[in-house]
Amino acid sequence: MKTRTFLLASSLTVLTGSLFAQQPMSIHVSTINPTCNGYADGAIVVNISGGTSPYRIDGVQFTGDTYVMTDVSAGNYELAVSDVN
């Protein structure tokens, strides 16, 4: 099992996480910041390529290559990303 850690920082959101996969996998994380400090209207979008679908992020299984967290407020978020292997 390979483990990789990624970090993304923006003005209101910091996201860290680990990637667990036996096959090479690439992830791209983007954020939409909340409109104002204290609001929960931001989003985190995770695009995955490689590995073997279905994928899991924090225990949520999904098929396809895009996972979207909505209603996100400013803060720190840690996501564990894994594939079916």
N, C-alpha and C. Protein backbone atom coordinates (compact mmCIF):
# COMPACT_ATOMS: atom_id res chain seq x y z
N MET A 1 0.85 -1.18 0.00
CA MET A 1 0.00 0.00 0.00
C MET A 1 0.89 1.24 0.00
N LYS A 2 0.65 2.14 -0.90
CA LYS A 2 1.38 3.39 -0.96
C LYS A 2 0.60 4.46 -0.22
N THR A 3 1.29 5.33 0.46
CA THR A 3 0.65 6.43 1.17
C THR A 3 1.28 7.73 0.71
N ARG A 4 0.45 8.68 0.41
CA ARG A 4 0.92 10.00 -0.01
C ARG A 4 0.09 11.03 0.73
N THR A 5 0.69 12.11 1.12
CA THR A 5 -0.03 13.18 1.81
C THR A 5 -0.05 14.40 0.92
N PHE A 6 -1.20 15.07 0.88
CA PHE A 6 -1.31 16.28 0.08
C PHE A 6 -1.81 17.42 0.94
N LEU A 7 -1.51 18.64 0.51
CA LEU A 7 -1.91 19.83 1.25
C LEU A 7 -2.37 20.87 0.26
N LEU A 8 -3.51 21.45 0.53
CA LEU A 8 -4.03 22.54 -0.28
C LEU A 8 -4.43 23.66 0.67
N ALA A 9 -4.01 24.85 0.40
CA ALA A 9 -4.36 25.98 1.26
C ALA A 9 -4.94 27.11 0.42
N SER A 10 -5.99 27.69 0.91
CA SER A 10 -6.55 28.89 0.28
C SER A 10 -6.82 29.89 1.39
N SER A 11 -7.42 31.00 1.07
CA SER A 11 -7.56 32.05 2.07
C SER A 11 -8.42 31.63 3.26
N LEU A 12 -9.40 30.77 3.04
CA LEU A 12 -10.28 30.38 4.14
C LEU A 12 -10.26 28.89 4.44
N THR A 13 -9.74 28.08 3.56
CA THR A 13 -9.85 26.64 3.73
C THR A 13 -8.48 25.99 3.61
N VAL A 14 -8.16 25.13 4.54
CA VAL A 14 -6.95 24.31 4.45
C VAL A 14 -7.41 22.86 4.45
N LEU A 15 -6.92 22.07 3.51
CA LEU A 15 -7.33 20.69 3.38
C LEU A 15 -6.09 19.81 3.36
N THR A 16 -6.07 18.81 4.20
CA THR A 16 -4.97 17.84 4.17
C THR A 16 -5.57 16.46 4.12
N GLY A 17 -4.81 15.50 3.67
CA GLY A 17 -5.34 14.15 3.61
C GLY A 17 -4.29 13.16 3.21
N SER A 18 -4.66 11.91 3.20
CA SER A 18 -3.77 10.84 2.79
C SER A 18 -4.42 10.04 1.68
N LEU A 19 -3.60 9.50 0.82
CA LEU A 19 -4.04 8.71 -0.31
C LEU A 19 -3.52 7.30 -0.13
N PHE A 20 -4.41 6.31 -0.16
CA PHE A 20 -4.04 4.92 0.01
C PHE A 20 -4.44 4.15 -1.24
N ALA A 21 -3.48 3.58 -1.96
CA ALA A 21 -3.79 2.84 -3.18
C ALA A 21 -2.64 1.92 -3.55
N GLN A 22 -2.96 0.78 -4.17
CA GLN A 22 -1.93 -0.12 -4.66
C GLN A 22 -1.53 0.26 -6.08
N GLN A 23 -2.44 0.76 -6.88
CA GLN A 23 -2.17 1.23 -8.24
C GLN A 23 -1.88 2.73 -8.17
N PRO A 24 -1.09 3.25 -9.11
CA PRO A 24 -0.86 4.70 -9.13
C PRO A 24 -2.19 5.45 -9.24
N MET A 25 -2.34 6.46 -8.43
CA MET A 25 -3.57 7.25 -8.42
C MET A 25 -3.18 8.71 -8.31
N SER A 26 -3.89 9.55 -9.00
CA SER A 26 -3.65 10.98 -8.95
C SER A 26 -4.92 11.68 -8.49
N ILE A 27 -4.77 12.67 -7.63
CA ILE A 27 -5.94 13.43 -7.20
C ILE A 27 -5.69 14.91 -7.40
N HIS A 28 -6.76 15.62 -7.69
CA HIS A 28 -6.73 17.06 -7.81
C HIS A 28 -7.83 17.60 -6.91
N VAL A 29 -7.47 18.48 -6.00
CA VAL A 29 -8.42 19.03 -5.04
C VAL A 29 -8.57 20.52 -5.31
N SER A 30 -9.81 20.98 -5.40
CA SER A 30 -10.06 22.41 -5.53
C SER A 30 -11.11 22.81 -4.49
N THR A 31 -11.09 24.06 -4.12
CA THR A 31 -12.05 24.55 -3.14
C THR A 31 -12.80 25.75 -3.67
N ILE A 32 -14.01 25.91 -3.18
CA ILE A 32 -14.79 27.12 -3.38
C ILE A 32 -14.97 27.70 -1.98
N ASN A 33 -14.35 28.84 -1.73
CA ASN A 33 -14.38 29.43 -0.40
C ASN A 33 -15.78 29.90 -0.03
N PRO A 34 -16.12 29.84 1.26
CA PRO A 34 -17.39 30.42 1.72
C PRO A 34 -17.43 31.91 1.36
N THR A 35 -18.62 32.43 1.18
CA THR A 35 -18.76 33.82 0.78
C THR A 35 -18.33 34.80 1.87
N CYS A 36 -18.40 34.36 3.12
CA CYS A 36 -18.02 35.22 4.23
C CYS A 36 -17.59 34.33 5.40
N ASN A 37 -16.68 34.83 6.23
CA ASN A 37 -16.25 34.07 7.39
C ASN A 37 -17.45 33.74 8.26
N GLY A 38 -17.58 32.49 8.65
CA GLY A 38 -18.71 32.05 9.46
C GLY A 38 -19.83 31.42 8.64
N TYR A 39 -19.80 31.59 7.32
CA TYR A 39 -20.82 30.98 6.46
C TYR A 39 -20.40 29.56 6.11
N ALA A 40 -21.37 28.70 5.86
CA ALA A 40 -21.10 27.31 5.46
C ALA A 40 -21.64 27.09 4.06
N ASP A 41 -21.13 27.87 3.10
CA ASP A 41 -21.59 27.73 1.71
C ASP A 41 -20.43 27.49 0.75
N GLY A 42 -19.33 26.99 1.27
CA GLY A 42 -18.18 26.63 0.43
C GLY A 42 -18.29 25.19 -0.04
N ALA A 43 -17.28 24.75 -0.80
CA ALA A 43 -17.27 23.38 -1.31
C ALA A 43 -15.83 22.91 -1.48
N ILE A 44 -15.66 21.59 -1.41
CA ILE A 44 -14.39 20.93 -1.71
C ILE A 44 -14.67 19.91 -2.80
N VAL A 45 -13.92 19.99 -3.90
CA VAL A 45 -14.11 19.08 -5.04
C VAL A 45 -12.84 18.25 -5.20
N VAL A 46 -13.01 16.91 -5.19
CA VAL A 46 -11.89 15.99 -5.34
C VAL A 46 -12.07 15.23 -6.64
N ASN A 47 -11.12 15.36 -7.57
CA ASN A 47 -11.11 14.61 -8.83
C ASN A 47 -10.03 13.55 -8.75
N ILE A 48 -10.37 12.30 -9.08
CA ILE A 48 -9.44 11.18 -8.98
C ILE A 48 -9.25 10.55 -10.35
N SER A 49 -8.00 10.21 -10.66
CA SER A 49 -7.72 9.41 -11.85
C SER A 49 -6.72 8.32 -11.45
N GLY A 50 -6.80 7.18 -12.14
CA GLY A 50 -5.95 6.05 -11.79
C GLY A 50 -6.58 5.23 -10.69
N GLY A 51 -5.80 4.31 -10.13
CA GLY A 51 -6.34 3.43 -9.11
C GLY A 51 -7.46 2.57 -9.71
N THR A 52 -8.28 2.00 -8.86
CA THR A 52 -9.37 1.15 -9.30
C THR A 52 -10.66 1.58 -8.63
N SER A 53 -11.64 1.99 -9.41
CA SER A 53 -12.95 2.37 -8.89
C SER A 53 -13.69 1.13 -8.40
N PRO A 54 -14.57 1.20 -7.43
CA PRO A 54 -15.04 2.40 -6.76
C PRO A 54 -14.01 2.92 -5.75
N TYR A 55 -14.11 4.22 -5.49
CA TYR A 55 -13.23 4.89 -4.55
C TYR A 55 -13.97 5.13 -3.24
N ARG A 56 -13.21 5.43 -2.20
CA ARG A 56 -13.79 5.80 -0.91
C ARG A 56 -13.08 7.06 -0.43
N ILE A 57 -13.86 7.99 0.08
CA ILE A 57 -13.33 9.16 0.77
C ILE A 57 -14.03 9.21 2.11
N ASP A 58 -13.24 9.11 3.16
CA ASP A 58 -13.77 9.09 4.53
C ASP A 58 -14.90 8.09 4.70
N GLY A 59 -14.73 6.91 4.13
CA GLY A 59 -15.70 5.85 4.31
C GLY A 59 -16.90 5.90 3.38
N VAL A 60 -17.02 6.94 2.57
CA VAL A 60 -18.13 7.06 1.63
C VAL A 60 -17.68 6.50 0.29
N GLN A 61 -18.34 5.44 -0.18
CA GLN A 61 -17.99 4.82 -1.46
C GLN A 61 -18.72 5.52 -2.59
N PHE A 62 -18.02 5.74 -3.69
CA PHE A 62 -18.66 6.34 -4.86
C PHE A 62 -17.98 5.84 -6.12
N THR A 63 -18.74 5.79 -7.20
CA THR A 63 -18.17 5.46 -8.50
C THR A 63 -17.98 6.75 -9.27
N GLY A 64 -17.32 6.67 -10.39
CA GLY A 64 -17.00 7.89 -11.12
C GLY A 64 -15.68 8.43 -10.61
N ASP A 65 -15.38 9.66 -10.98
CA ASP A 65 -14.07 10.20 -10.62
C ASP A 65 -14.13 11.53 -9.88
N THR A 66 -15.33 11.97 -9.47
CA THR A 66 -15.46 13.25 -8.79
C THR A 66 -16.29 13.11 -7.51
N TYR A 67 -15.77 13.68 -6.44
CA TYR A 67 -16.45 13.69 -5.15
C TYR A 67 -16.57 15.14 -4.72
N VAL A 68 -17.76 15.58 -4.30
CA VAL A 68 -17.99 16.97 -3.93
C VAL A 68 -18.56 17.04 -2.51
N MET A 69 -17.89 17.80 -1.66
CA MET A 69 -18.42 18.11 -0.32
C MET A 69 -19.00 19.52 -0.40
N THR A 70 -20.26 19.67 -0.04
CA THR A 70 -20.90 20.99 -0.07
C THR A 70 -21.21 21.47 1.34
N ASP A 71 -21.66 22.70 1.45
CA ASP A 71 -22.00 23.32 2.73
C ASP A 71 -20.82 23.31 3.69
N VAL A 72 -19.64 23.65 3.16
CA VAL A 72 -18.40 23.63 3.93
C VAL A 72 -18.09 25.03 4.45
N SER A 73 -17.75 25.10 5.72
CA SER A 73 -17.32 26.38 6.28
C SER A 73 -15.79 26.43 6.30
N ALA A 74 -15.23 27.58 6.60
CA ALA A 74 -13.78 27.72 6.68
C ALA A 74 -13.24 26.82 7.77
N GLY A 75 -12.09 26.23 7.54
CA GLY A 75 -11.51 25.37 8.56
C GLY A 75 -10.55 24.37 7.98
N ASN A 76 -10.16 23.41 8.78
CA ASN A 76 -9.25 22.35 8.38
C ASN A 76 -10.03 21.09 8.09
N TYR A 77 -9.71 20.42 7.00
CA TYR A 77 -10.40 19.20 6.60
C TYR A 77 -9.37 18.15 6.24
N GLU A 78 -9.54 16.96 6.78
CA GLU A 78 -8.65 15.85 6.47
C GLU A 78 -9.48 14.77 5.82
N LEU A 79 -9.05 14.33 4.64
CA LEU A 79 -9.77 13.34 3.88
C LEU A 79 -8.88 12.14 3.63
N ALA A 80 -9.39 10.94 3.87
CA ALA A 80 -8.68 9.71 3.55
C ALA A 80 -9.25 9.18 2.24
N VAL A 81 -8.41 9.07 1.21
CA VAL A 81 -8.83 8.64 -0.12
C VAL A 81 -8.26 7.26 -0.40
N SER A 82 -9.12 6.30 -0.81
CA SER A 82 -8.64 4.96 -1.14
C SER A 82 -9.42 4.41 -2.31
N ASP A 83 -8.84 3.42 -2.98
CA ASP A 83 -9.56 2.76 -4.06
C ASP A 83 -10.01 1.38 -3.58
N VAL A 84 -10.61 0.59 -4.46
CA VAL A 84 -11.18 -0.69 -4.09
C VAL A 84 -10.12 -1.68 -3.61
N ASN A 85 -8.87 -1.50 -4.03
CA ASN A 85 -7.80 -2.41 -3.61
C ASN A 85 -7.34 -2.07 -2.23
